Amino acid sequence: MDVDGRCCGTGTCLINAEGVCWCGQKWDGEKMCFASVEAEPATAPDKAEGPDA
């Protein structure tokens, strides 16, 4: 089995065809890195909602 040159150095990378490793890192064209989180922060539910409102 050939060593994948995209491995982050742990020797345990299992990278699929899309460049995503089992650990959540992704090949960015130069190195393995975790995807940036661009999701909006979760908000607390409105207290006026629900069966008691």
PDB file of N, CA and C in Angstrom:
ATOM      1  N   MET A   1       0.839  -1.174   0.000  1.00  0.00           N
ATOM      2  CA  MET A   1       0.000   0.000   0.000  1.00  0.00           C
ATOM      3  C   MET A   1       0.888   1.243   0.000  1.00  0.00           C
ATOM      4  N   ASP A   2       0.552   2.201  -0.864  1.00  0.00           N
ATOM      5  CA  ASP A   2       1.340   3.422  -0.966  1.00  0.00           C
ATOM      6  C   ASP A   2       0.962   4.396   0.140  1.00  0.00           C
ATOM      7  N   VAL A   3       1.947   5.166   0.588  1.00  0.00           N
ATOM      8  CA  VAL A   3       1.707   6.204   1.580  1.00  0.00           C
ATOM      9  C   VAL A   3       1.142   7.421   0.862  1.00  0.00           C
ATOM     10  N   ASP A   4       0.028   7.946   1.356  1.00  0.00           N
ATOM     11  CA  ASP A   4      -0.599   9.118   0.754  1.00  0.00           C
ATOM     12  C   ASP A   4       0.191  10.356   1.163  1.00  0.00           C
ATOM     13  N   GLY A   5       0.667  11.134   0.205  1.00  0.00           N
ATOM     14  CA  GLY A   5       1.451  12.338   0.464  1.00  0.00           C
ATOM     15  C   GLY A   5       0.665  13.422   1.169  1.00  0.00           C
ATOM     16  N   ARG A   6      -0.661  13.275   1.228  1.00  0.00           N
ATOM     17  CA  ARG A   6      -1.497  14.270   1.898  1.00  0.00           C
ATOM     18  C   ARG A   6      -1.631  14.005   3.393  1.00  0.00           C
ATOM     19  N   CYS A   7      -1.065  12.918   3.880  1.00  0.00           N
ATOM     20  CA  CYS A   7      -1.180  12.570   5.298  1.00  0.00           C
ATOM     21  C   CYS A   7      -0.643  13.701   6.172  1.00  0.00           C
ATOM     22  N   CYS A   8      -1.349  13.966   7.279  1.00  0.00           N
ATOM     23  CA  CYS A   8      -0.970  15.070   8.170  1.00  0.00           C
ATOM     24  C   CYS A   8       0.255  14.742   9.013  1.00  0.00           C
ATOM     25  N   GLY A   9       0.741  13.530   8.921  1.00  0.00           N
ATOM     26  CA  GLY A   9       1.936  13.156   9.660  1.00  0.00           C
ATOM     27  C   GLY A   9       1.691  12.095  10.716  1.00  0.00           C
ATOM     28  N   THR A  10       0.430  11.791  10.987  1.00  0.00           N
ATOM     29  CA  THR A  10       0.117  10.790  11.996  1.00  0.00           C
ATOM     30  C   THR A  10       0.333   9.376  11.486  1.00  0.00           C
ATOM     31  N   GLY A  11       0.262   9.214  10.164  1.00  0.00           N
ATOM     32  CA  GLY A  11       0.372   7.894   9.575  1.00  0.00           C
ATOM     33  C   GLY A  11      -0.934   7.131   9.623  1.00  0.00           C
ATOM     34  N   THR A  12      -2.004   7.782  10.050  1.00  0.00           N
ATOM     35  CA  THR A  12      -3.295   7.114  10.173  1.00  0.00           C
ATOM     36  C   THR A  12      -4.365   7.726   9.277  1.00  0.00           C
ATOM     37  N   CYS A  13      -3.985   8.596   8.352  1.00  0.00           N
ATOM     38  CA  CYS A  13      -4.968   9.262   7.501  1.00  0.00           C
ATOM     39  C   CYS A  13      -5.630   8.278   6.541  1.00  0.00           C
ATOM     40  N   LEU A  14      -6.925   8.361   6.442  1.00  0.00           N
ATOM     41  CA  LEU A  14      -7.713   7.623   5.464  1.00  0.00           C
ATOM     42  C   LEU A  14      -8.475   8.687   4.684  1.00  0.00           C
ATOM     43  N   ILE A  15      -7.955   9.055   3.525  1.00  0.00           N
ATOM     44  CA  ILE A  15      -8.469  10.193   2.770  1.00  0.00           C
ATOM     45  C   ILE A  15      -9.276   9.693   1.580  1.00  0.00           C
ATOM     46  N   ASN A  16     -10.521  10.192   1.451  1.00  0.00           N
ATOM     47  CA  ASN A  16     -11.372   9.769   0.343  1.00  0.00           C
ATOM     48  C   ASN A  16     -11.074  10.576  -0.913  1.00  0.00           C
ATOM     49  N   ALA A  17     -11.815  10.324  -1.978  1.00  0.00           N
ATOM     50  CA  ALA A  17     -11.580  10.977  -3.263  1.00  0.00           C
ATOM     51  C   ALA A  17     -11.789  12.479  -3.210  1.00  0.00           C
ATOM     52  N   GLU A  18     -12.620  12.959  -2.282  1.00  0.00           N
ATOM     53  CA  GLU A  18     -12.868  14.392  -2.139  1.00  0.00           C
ATOM     54  C   GLU A  18     -11.794  15.090  -1.303  1.00  0.00           C
ATOM     55  N   GLY A  19     -10.846  14.326  -0.772  1.00  0.00           N
ATOM     56  CA  GLY A  19      -9.765  14.902   0.028  1.00  0.00           C
ATOM     57  C   GLY A  19     -10.109  15.034   1.490  1.00  0.00           C
ATOM     58  N   VAL A  20     -11.190  14.376   1.940  1.00  0.00           N
ATOM     59  CA  VAL A  20     -11.608  14.453   3.338  1.00  0.00           C
ATOM     60  C   VAL A  20     -11.100  13.228   4.088  1.00  0.00           C
ATOM     61  N   CYS A  21     -10.450  13.477   5.223  1.00  0.00           N
ATOM     62  CA  CYS A  21      -9.915  12.402   6.054  1.00  0.00           C
ATOM     63  C   CYS A  21     -10.962  11.967   7.073  1.00  0.00           C
ATOM     64  N   TRP A  22     -10.817  10.784   7.618  1.00  0.00           N
ATOM     65  CA  TRP A  22     -11.747  10.269   8.627  1.00  0.00           C
ATOM     66  C   TRP A  22     -11.761  11.142   9.873  1.00  0.00           C
ATOM     67  N   CYS A  23     -10.690  11.896  10.131  1.00  0.00           N
ATOM     68  CA  CYS A  23     -10.598  12.720  11.342  1.00  0.00           C
ATOM     69  C   CYS A  23     -11.249  14.085  11.181  1.00  0.00           C
ATOM     70  N   GLY A  24     -11.744  14.395   9.968  1.00  0.00           N
ATOM     71  CA  GLY A  24     -12.421  15.660   9.759  1.00  0.00           C
ATOM     72  C   GLY A  24     -11.585  16.703   9.044  1.00  0.00           C
ATOM     73  N   GLN A  25     -10.304  16.412   8.834  1.00  0.00           N
ATOM     74  CA  GLN A  25      -9.468  17.358   8.105  1.00  0.00           C
ATOM     75  C   GLN A  25      -9.707  17.196   6.611  1.00  0.00           C
ATOM     76  N   LYS A  26      -9.376  18.245   5.848  1.00  0.00           N
ATOM     77  CA  LYS A  26      -9.549  18.203   4.405  1.00  0.00           C
ATOM     78  C   LYS A  26      -8.299  18.756   3.732  1.00  0.00           C
ATOM     79  N   TRP A  27      -7.967  18.186   2.596  1.00  0.00           N
ATOM     80  CA  TRP A  27      -6.833  18.636   1.813  1.00  0.00           C
ATOM     81  C   TRP A  27      -7.197  19.967   1.157  1.00  0.00           C
ATOM     82  N   ASP A  28      -6.394  21.023   1.408  1.00  0.00           N
ATOM     83  CA  ASP A  28      -6.696  22.346   0.854  1.00  0.00           C
ATOM     84  C   ASP A  28      -5.869  22.654  -0.393  1.00  0.00           C
ATOM     85  N   GLY A  29      -5.169  21.672  -0.884  1.00  0.00           N
ATOM     86  CA  GLY A  29      -4.314  21.866  -2.052  1.00  0.00           C
ATOM     87  C   GLY A  29      -2.850  21.936  -1.687  1.00  0.00           C
ATOM     88  N   GLU A  30      -2.585  22.238  -0.409  1.00  0.00           N
ATOM     89  CA  GLU A  30      -1.210  22.304   0.080  1.00  0.00           C
ATOM     90  C   GLU A  30      -0.984  21.440   1.312  1.00  0.00           C
ATOM     91  N   LYS A  31      -2.005  21.382   2.177  1.00  0.00           N
ATOM     92  CA  LYS A  31      -1.853  20.660   3.439  1.00  0.00           C
ATOM     93  C   LYS A  31      -3.224  20.208   3.945  1.00  0.00           C
ATOM     94  N   MET A  32      -3.193  19.329   4.934  1.00  0.00           N
ATOM     95  CA  MET A  32      -4.428  18.907   5.594  1.00  0.00           C
ATOM     96  C   MET A  32      -4.767  19.955   6.646  1.00  0.00           C
ATOM     97  N   CYS A  33      -6.031  20.344   6.724  1.00  0.00           N
ATOM     98  CA  CYS A  33      -6.446  21.320   7.726  1.00  0.00           C
ATOM     99  C   CYS A  33      -7.918  21.106   8.046  1.00  0.00           C
ATOM    100  N   PHE A  34      -8.309  21.587   9.217  1.00  0.00           N
ATOM    101  CA  PHE A  34      -9.710  21.503   9.599  1.00  0.00           C
ATOM    102  C   PHE A  34     -10.467  22.609   8.887  1.00  0.00           C
ATOM    103  N   ALA A  35     -11.674  22.307   8.452  1.00  0.00           N
ATOM    104  CA  ALA A  35     -12.501  23.296   7.769  1.00  0.00           C
ATOM    105  C   ALA A  35     -12.833  24.433   8.723  1.00  0.00           C
ATOM    106  N   SER A  36     -12.868  25.644   8.197  1.00  0.00           N
ATOM    107  CA  SER A  36     -13.233  26.781   9.036  1.00  0.00           C
ATOM    108  C   SER A  36     -14.722  26.722   9.321  1.00  0.00           C
ATOM    109  N   VAL A  37     -15.083  27.102  10.517  1.00  0.00           N
ATOM    110  CA  VAL A  37     -16.487  27.096  10.915  1.00  0.00           C
ATOM    111  C   VAL A  37     -17.071  28.454  10.576  1.00  0.00           C
ATOM    112  N   GLU A  38     -18.005  28.467   9.637  1.00  0.00           N
ATOM    113  CA  GLU A  38     -18.617  29.711   9.216  1.00  0.00           C
ATOM    114  C   GLU A  38     -20.105  29.727   9.520  1.00  0.00           C
ATOM    115  N   ALA A  39     -20.555  28.777  10.296  1.00  0.00           N
ATOM    116  CA  ALA A  39     -21.970  28.708  10.642  1.00  0.00           C
ATOM    117  C   ALA A  39     -22.295  29.798  11.652  1.00  0.00           C
ATOM    118  N   GLU A  40     -23.529  30.274  11.609  1.00  0.00           N
ATOM    119  CA  GLU A  40     -23.943  31.277  12.577  1.00  0.00           C
ATOM    120  C   GLU A  40     -24.092  30.625  13.948  1.00  0.00           C
ATOM    121  N   PRO A  41     -23.797  31.348  15.012  1.00  0.00           N
ATOM    122  CA  PRO A  41     -23.913  30.769  16.346  1.00  0.00           C
ATOM    123  C   PRO A  41     -25.366  30.422  16.664  1.00  0.00           C
ATOM    124  N   ALA A  42     -25.522  29.388  17.426  1.00  0.00           N
ATOM    125  CA  ALA A  42     -26.858  28.967  17.834  1.00  0.00           C
ATOM    126  C   ALA A  42     -27.449  30.000  18.790  1.00  0.00           C
ATOM    127  N   THR A  43     -28.737  30.197  18.704  1.00  0.00           N
ATOM    128  CA  THR A  43     -29.396  31.145  19.599  1.00  0.00           C
ATOM    129  C   THR A  43     -30.299  30.380  20.549  1.00  0.00           C
ATOM    130  N   ALA A  44     -30.527  30.961  21.701  1.00  0.00           N
ATOM    131  CA  ALA A  44     -31.408  30.341  22.687  1.00  0.00           C
ATOM    132  C   ALA A  44     -32.848  30.458  22.195  1.00  0.00           C
ATOM    133  N   PRO A  45     -33.665  29.462  22.469  1.00  0.00           N
ATOM    134  CA  PRO A  45     -35.064  29.535  22.034  1.00  0.00           C
ATOM    135  C   PRO A  45     -35.787  30.674  22.731  1.00  0.00           C
ATOM    136  N   ASP A  46     -36.741  31.258  22.046  1.00  0.00           N
ATOM    137  CA  ASP A  46     -37.541  32.341  22.600  1.00  0.00           C
ATOM    138  C   ASP A  46     -38.398  31.800  23.733  1.00  0.00           C
ATOM    139  N   LYS A  47     -38.363  32.429  24.880  1.00  0.00           N
ATOM    140  CA  LYS A  47     -39.114  31.939  26.031  1.00  0.00           C
ATOM    141  C   LYS A  47     -40.619  32.024  25.823  1.00  0.00           C
ATOM    142  N   ALA A  48     -41.078  32.871  24.870  1.00  0.00           N
ATOM    143  CA  ALA A  48     -42.507  33.026  24.624  1.00  0.00           C
ATOM    144  C   ALA A  48     -43.074  31.848  23.832  1.00  0.00           C
ATOM    145  N   GLU A  49     -42.192  31.035  23.237  1.00  0.00           N
ATOM    146  CA  GLU A  49     -42.664  29.894  22.468  1.00  0.00           C
ATOM    147  C   GLU A  49     -42.905  28.702  23.378  1.00  0.00           C
ATOM    148  N   GLY A  50     -43.754  27.813  22.974  1.00  0.00           N
ATOM    149  CA  GLY A  50     -43.995  26.594  23.726  1.00  0.00           C
ATOM    150  C   GLY A  50     -45.428  26.515  24.211  1.00  0.00           C
ATOM    151  N   PRO A  51     -45.784  25.419  24.857  1.00  0.00           N
ATOM    152  CA  PRO A  51     -47.176  25.185  25.267  1.00  0.00           C
ATOM    153  C   PRO A  51     -47.645  26.145  26.374  1.00  0.00           C
ATOM    154  N   ASP A  52     -46.732  26.715  27.139  1.00  0.00           N
ATOM    155  CA  ASP A  52     -47.126  27.605  28.239  1.00  0.00           C
ATOM    156  C   ASP A  52     -47.264  29.055  27.814  1.00  0.00           C
ATOM    157  N   ALA A  53     -46.962  29.361  26.564  1.00  0.00           N
ATOM    158  CA  ALA A  53     -46.974  30.752  26.096  1.00  0.00           C
ATOM    159  C   ALA A  53     -48.384  31.278  25.891  1.00  0.00           C
TER     160      ALA A  53
END
